[in-house]
Protein backbone atom coordinates (compact mmCIF):
# COMPACT_ATOMS: atom_id res chain seq x y z
CA MET A 1 89.36 101.31 133.53
CA GLU A 2 92.11 103.06 131.64
CA ARG A 3 94.38 100.16 130.39
CA SER A 4 94.15 96.38 130.15
CA PRO A 5 96.74 93.67 129.39
CA PHE A 6 94.13 91.76 127.66
CA LEU A 7 93.38 94.34 125.17
CA PRO A 8 96.45 96.42 124.38
CA LEU A 9 95.81 99.70 122.97
CA PRO A 10 98.02 102.52 121.28
CA GLU A 11 99.24 105.51 123.38
CA GLY A 12 96.58 108.18 123.82
CA MET A 13 93.63 105.64 123.91
CA VAL A 14 92.02 104.30 127.03
CA ILE A 15 89.09 102.00 127.68
CA GLY A 16 85.91 103.30 128.86
CA GLN A 17 82.97 100.82 129.60
CA VAL A 18 82.93 97.06 128.87
CA GLU A 19 79.84 95.22 128.33
CA ILE A 20 79.86 91.32 128.56
CA THR A 21 77.67 88.75 127.12
CA PRO A 22 78.27 84.95 126.66
CA THR A 23 79.46 85.49 123.08
CA GLN A 24 80.87 89.03 122.82
CA LEU A 25 82.78 91.74 124.62
CA THR A 26 81.69 95.33 123.70
CA VAL A 27 84.41 97.64 124.66
CA GLU A 28 84.29 101.46 124.59
CA VAL A 29 87.61 103.01 123.56
CA ILE A 30 88.30 106.72 123.96
CA SER A 31 90.93 108.71 122.42
CA THR A 32 92.72 111.10 124.71
CA GLN A 33 95.04 112.80 122.34
CA PRO A 34 94.86 116.70 122.80
CA TRP A 35 95.36 117.40 119.17
CA ALA A 36 94.94 115.80 115.66
CA ARG A 37 96.82 116.20 112.41
CA CYS A 38 94.80 117.27 109.38
CA PRO A 39 95.09 114.78 106.52
CA GLU A 40 94.93 117.40 103.92
CA CYS A 41 97.49 119.94 104.95
CA GLY A 42 99.27 118.19 107.61
CA ASN A 43 98.86 120.90 110.31
CA LEU A 44 97.92 120.28 113.86
CA SER A 45 94.75 121.17 115.34
CA ASP A 46 93.25 121.27 119.02
CA SER A 47 89.88 122.69 118.10
CA VAL A 48 87.36 119.85 118.59
CA HIS A 49 84.30 120.32 116.31
CA CYS A 50 82.26 117.16 117.55
CA GLN A 51 82.51 113.46 118.20
CA TYR A 52 80.88 110.35 116.84
CA GLN A 53 80.95 106.52 117.51
CA ARG A 54 82.62 104.16 115.29
CA THR A 55 82.26 100.28 115.36
CA VAL A 56 85.41 98.33 114.89
CA HIS A 57 85.79 94.35 115.09
CA ASP A 58 89.01 93.24 117.00
CA VAL A 59 90.69 89.89 117.56
CA PRO A 60 88.68 87.52 119.92
CA CYS A 61 89.48 87.22 123.61
CA GLY A 62 88.61 84.21 125.94
CA GLY A 63 86.45 82.72 123.14
CA ARG A 64 84.48 85.79 122.74
CA ALA A 65 84.16 88.04 119.80
CA VAL A 66 85.39 91.71 120.73
CA VAL A 67 83.72 94.80 119.21
CA LEU A 68 85.31 98.14 119.92
CA ARG A 69 83.03 101.25 120.04
CA LEU A 70 85.40 104.00 119.32
CA ARG A 71 84.58 107.33 120.46
CA VAL A 72 86.30 109.58 117.71
CA ARG A 73 86.45 113.40 117.56
CA LYS A 74 86.18 115.62 114.59
CA PHE A 75 88.60 118.71 114.66
CA VAL A 76 88.53 121.97 112.85
CA CYS A 77 91.38 122.79 110.66
CA ARG A 78 92.54 126.40 111.28
CA THR A 79 94.67 126.71 108.15
CA ALA A 80 93.08 129.25 105.92
CA ILE A 81 94.12 127.74 102.67
CA CYS A 82 93.22 124.12 103.53
CA ARG A 83 90.13 122.86 101.55
CA ARG A 84 89.15 120.50 104.47
CA LYS A 85 87.60 122.50 107.12
CA VAL A 86 86.49 119.59 109.37
CA PHE A 87 88.30 116.10 109.56
CA ALA A 88 88.06 113.17 111.62
CA GLU A 89 91.14 112.17 113.77
CA ARG A 90 93.14 109.10 112.39
CA LEU A 91 93.97 106.14 114.62
CA PRO A 92 96.58 104.42 112.31
CA ASP A 93 98.05 102.27 115.03
CA LEU A 94 94.74 100.70 115.83
CA VAL A 95 92.53 100.83 112.69
CA ARG A 96 92.71 102.16 109.15
CA PRO A 97 90.48 104.94 107.89
CA TRP A 98 87.09 103.66 106.84
CA ALA A 99 87.98 100.21 108.08
CA ARG A 100 85.64 98.01 110.09
CA VAL A 101 88.20 95.63 111.38
CA SER A 102 91.28 96.55 113.51
CA ASN A 103 94.76 96.13 112.18
CA ARG A 104 95.50 92.98 114.32
CA LEU A 105 92.33 91.47 113.11
CA LEU A 106 93.01 92.19 109.72
CA GLU A 107 96.40 90.51 109.81
CA GLU A 108 94.77 87.42 111.47
CA LEU A 109 92.39 87.13 108.61
CA LYS A 110 95.13 87.56 105.99
CA ALA A 111 97.10 84.65 107.76
CA ILE A 112 94.13 82.32 107.63
CA GLY A 113 93.31 83.41 104.22
CA LEU A 114 96.92 82.60 102.95
CA ALA A 115 96.91 79.14 104.78
CA ALA A 116 93.51 78.08 103.22
CA SER A 117 91.15 78.93 100.42
CA ALA A 118 88.69 81.92 101.00
CA GLU A 119 85.88 79.46 101.35
CA VAL A 120 87.40 77.22 103.80
CA SER A 121 88.57 80.32 105.71
CA GLU A 122 84.98 81.41 105.83
CA ARG A 123 83.96 78.32 107.52
CA LEU A 124 86.97 78.32 109.84
CA ALA A 125 86.75 81.72 111.03
CA PRO A 126 83.76 81.27 113.41
CA ARG A 127 85.36 78.52 115.27
CA LEU A 128 88.20 81.02 115.98
CA GLY A 129 85.97 83.76 117.15
CA MET A 130 86.03 85.78 113.85
CA THR A 131 83.71 86.34 111.16
CA VAL A 132 84.60 86.92 107.52
CA LYS A 133 83.03 86.36 103.89
CA ALA A 134 85.06 84.72 101.21
CA PRO A 135 84.80 87.77 98.82
CA THR A 136 85.92 90.18 101.72
CA LEU A 137 88.82 87.98 102.53
CA LEU A 138 89.92 87.92 98.82
CA ARG A 139 89.77 91.75 98.88
CA TYR A 140 92.02 91.64 101.94
CA LEU A 141 94.42 89.35 100.42
CA ARG A 142 94.78 91.62 97.20
CA THR A 143 96.05 94.43 99.53
CA ILE A 144 99.12 92.42 100.52
CA GLU A 145 102.22 94.18 99.02
CA ASP A 146 104.61 92.10 96.76
CA PRO A 147 107.75 91.24 98.52
CA PRO A 148 110.82 93.34 97.48
CA LYS A 149 112.07 92.25 94.01
CA ALA A 150 115.60 90.32 94.18
CA ASP A 151 117.96 89.61 91.32
CA VAL A 152 117.08 86.31 89.70
CA THR A 153 120.31 84.43 88.44
CA VAL A 154 118.98 80.89 88.03
CA LEU A 155 115.53 80.70 86.49
CA GLY A 156 113.23 77.80 86.03
CA ILE A 157 110.73 77.48 83.19
CA ASP A 158 107.79 75.00 83.16
CA ASP A 159 104.31 74.83 81.79
CA PHE A 160 101.08 74.19 83.71
CA ALA A 161 97.59 73.50 82.79
CA LEU A 162 95.07 76.09 82.73
CA SER A 163 92.61 73.54 81.17
CA ARG A 164 94.13 70.07 80.95
CA GLY A 165 94.53 69.03 77.52
CA ASP A 166 93.48 72.18 76.06
CA LYS A 167 95.30 75.48 77.35
CA TYR A 168 98.49 75.71 79.10
CA GLY A 169 100.29 78.65 80.64
CA THR A 170 103.96 79.06 81.85
CA ILE A 171 105.44 79.32 85.41
CA LEU A 172 108.64 80.98 86.04
CA ILE A 173 110.47 80.02 89.28
CA ASN A 174 113.62 81.39 91.22
CA ILE A 175 115.35 78.16 91.51
CA ALA A 176 117.83 79.72 94.00
CA THR A 177 114.83 80.29 96.43
CA GLY A 178 112.00 77.95 95.19
CA ASP A 179 109.60 81.04 94.99
CA PRO A 180 107.55 81.48 91.91
CA LEU A 181 108.09 84.75 90.07
CA ASP A 182 105.28 84.96 87.55
CA LEU A 183 102.63 83.21 85.47
CA LEU A 184 102.40 83.81 81.81
CA PRO A 185 99.23 82.97 79.98
CA ASP A 186 100.64 81.13 77.11
CA ARG A 187 103.12 78.23 76.72
CA THR A 188 105.44 79.57 73.94
CA ALA A 189 108.93 81.06 73.71
CA GLU A 190 107.35 84.36 72.50
CA ALA A 191 105.65 84.66 75.79
CA VAL A 192 108.92 84.21 77.64
CA LYS A 193 111.22 86.26 75.74
CA PRO A 194 109.74 89.65 76.84
CA TRP A 195 110.11 88.69 80.39
CA LEU A 196 113.58 87.56 79.95
CA SER A 197 114.64 90.77 78.10
CA THR A 198 113.76 92.76 81.29
CA HIS A 199 116.05 90.49 83.61
CA PRO A 200 119.46 90.74 82.18
CA GLU A 201 120.88 89.45 85.43
CA ILE A 202 119.76 85.80 84.71
CA GLN A 203 122.71 83.48 84.38
CA VAL A 204 121.05 80.16 83.97
CA VAL A 205 117.79 78.96 82.51
CA SER A 206 116.39 75.53 83.45
CA ARG A 207 113.72 74.86 80.95
CA ASP A 208 111.24 72.21 80.02
CA ARG A 209 112.24 70.08 77.06
CA ALA A 210 108.89 70.78 75.27
CA SER A 211 109.34 72.14 71.73
CA ALA A 212 107.27 75.25 72.83
CA PHE A 213 110.38 76.36 74.84
CA ALA A 214 113.02 75.28 72.30
CA ASP A 215 113.82 78.99 71.30
CA VAL A 216 114.07 80.25 74.82
CA ARG A 217 117.48 81.96 75.27
CA ILE A 218 118.70 84.47 77.95
CA VAL A 219 119.82 87.87 76.74
CA ASP A 220 123.54 87.07 75.56
CA GLU A 221 122.64 83.28 75.07
CA SER A 222 125.69 82.44 77.19
CA CYS A 223 124.03 79.51 78.86
CA ARG A 224 121.15 77.32 78.96
CA ILE A 225 120.19 74.24 80.83
CA ARG A 226 117.65 71.66 79.36
CA LYS A 227 115.85 69.25 81.49
CA ARG A 228 112.83 66.75 81.48
CA TYR A 229 111.63 67.40 84.84
CA LEU A 230 112.23 70.67 86.48
CA PRO A 231 111.79 69.57 90.19
CA ARG A 232 114.49 66.79 89.63
CA LEU A 233 116.85 69.34 88.22
CA ALA A 234 116.11 72.22 90.45
CA PRO A 235 118.45 71.33 93.50
CA PHE A 236 121.38 70.84 91.04
CA ALA A 237 120.77 73.77 88.74
CA THR A 238 122.76 76.29 90.71
CA GLU A 239 125.71 73.78 91.31
CA MET A 240 125.87 72.92 87.57
CA ALA A 241 125.81 76.60 86.84
CA LEU A 242 128.80 77.44 88.78
CA SER A 243 130.84 74.37 87.48
CA LEU A 244 132.12 75.83 84.23
CA PRO A 245 133.26 79.54 83.58
CA ASN A 246 132.70 81.12 80.26
CA PRO A 247 134.41 84.26 78.81
CA GLU A 248 131.53 86.51 79.63
CA GLY A 249 132.07 85.83 83.36
CA ARG A 250 128.87 83.74 83.65
CA THR A 251 128.80 79.92 83.93
CA CYS A 252 126.97 77.22 82.26
CA ARG A 253 126.60 73.43 81.38
CA HIS A 254 124.35 72.01 79.05
CA SER A 255 122.49 68.76 79.92
CA LYS A 256 121.00 66.43 77.37
């Protein structure tokens, strides 16, 4: 069997044997690429040194867990100045180096982890034909790259309880999108000012009326919006900001 619509594989990889049990599909996957690129120097090599078997878990199929037995080759690098004489071929479209789960299974586990807590995901995953431990899932989630940073023009500042009645922090929100921007470990204007100094594009600040934030100013102090409840003001902050022009080209309106 070379290809299967139920187990799509990248170009240059074919299916060898398939072992079926009531709970698992074990699939032998063979790489047929005639050459591989050395990860050290980047040169191509077609000189096969040896081969070995690599076990990788994949997304479930038909209610059964899927395990890939990859037949991976090692090549000899013929570049004289390269420090790596023997290297294993990379399969970036299927699995990352040294990973034990395929790229598509990794993305599925991340999606579950983002939708629920790590412990809940650990209990839910077996019902979906997958297996993962909570610490491992947290490690996967930490590898997710931050979204591209966008300019923030309307900023919301509020506090949250780290320990109710004892210790509070500050949450910063992009009101235009509703996305959280940062969490600060303290509820003071001094904790907010360094963050504001690195974002001169901010035009409006909607802040809590707590005395801790009384001294919060944007860089040129051209505008500030006070509020009692941030969620109540948030939908109107942008409209309020655009209502009155000022000499600097920014807009503001103070609410009491």
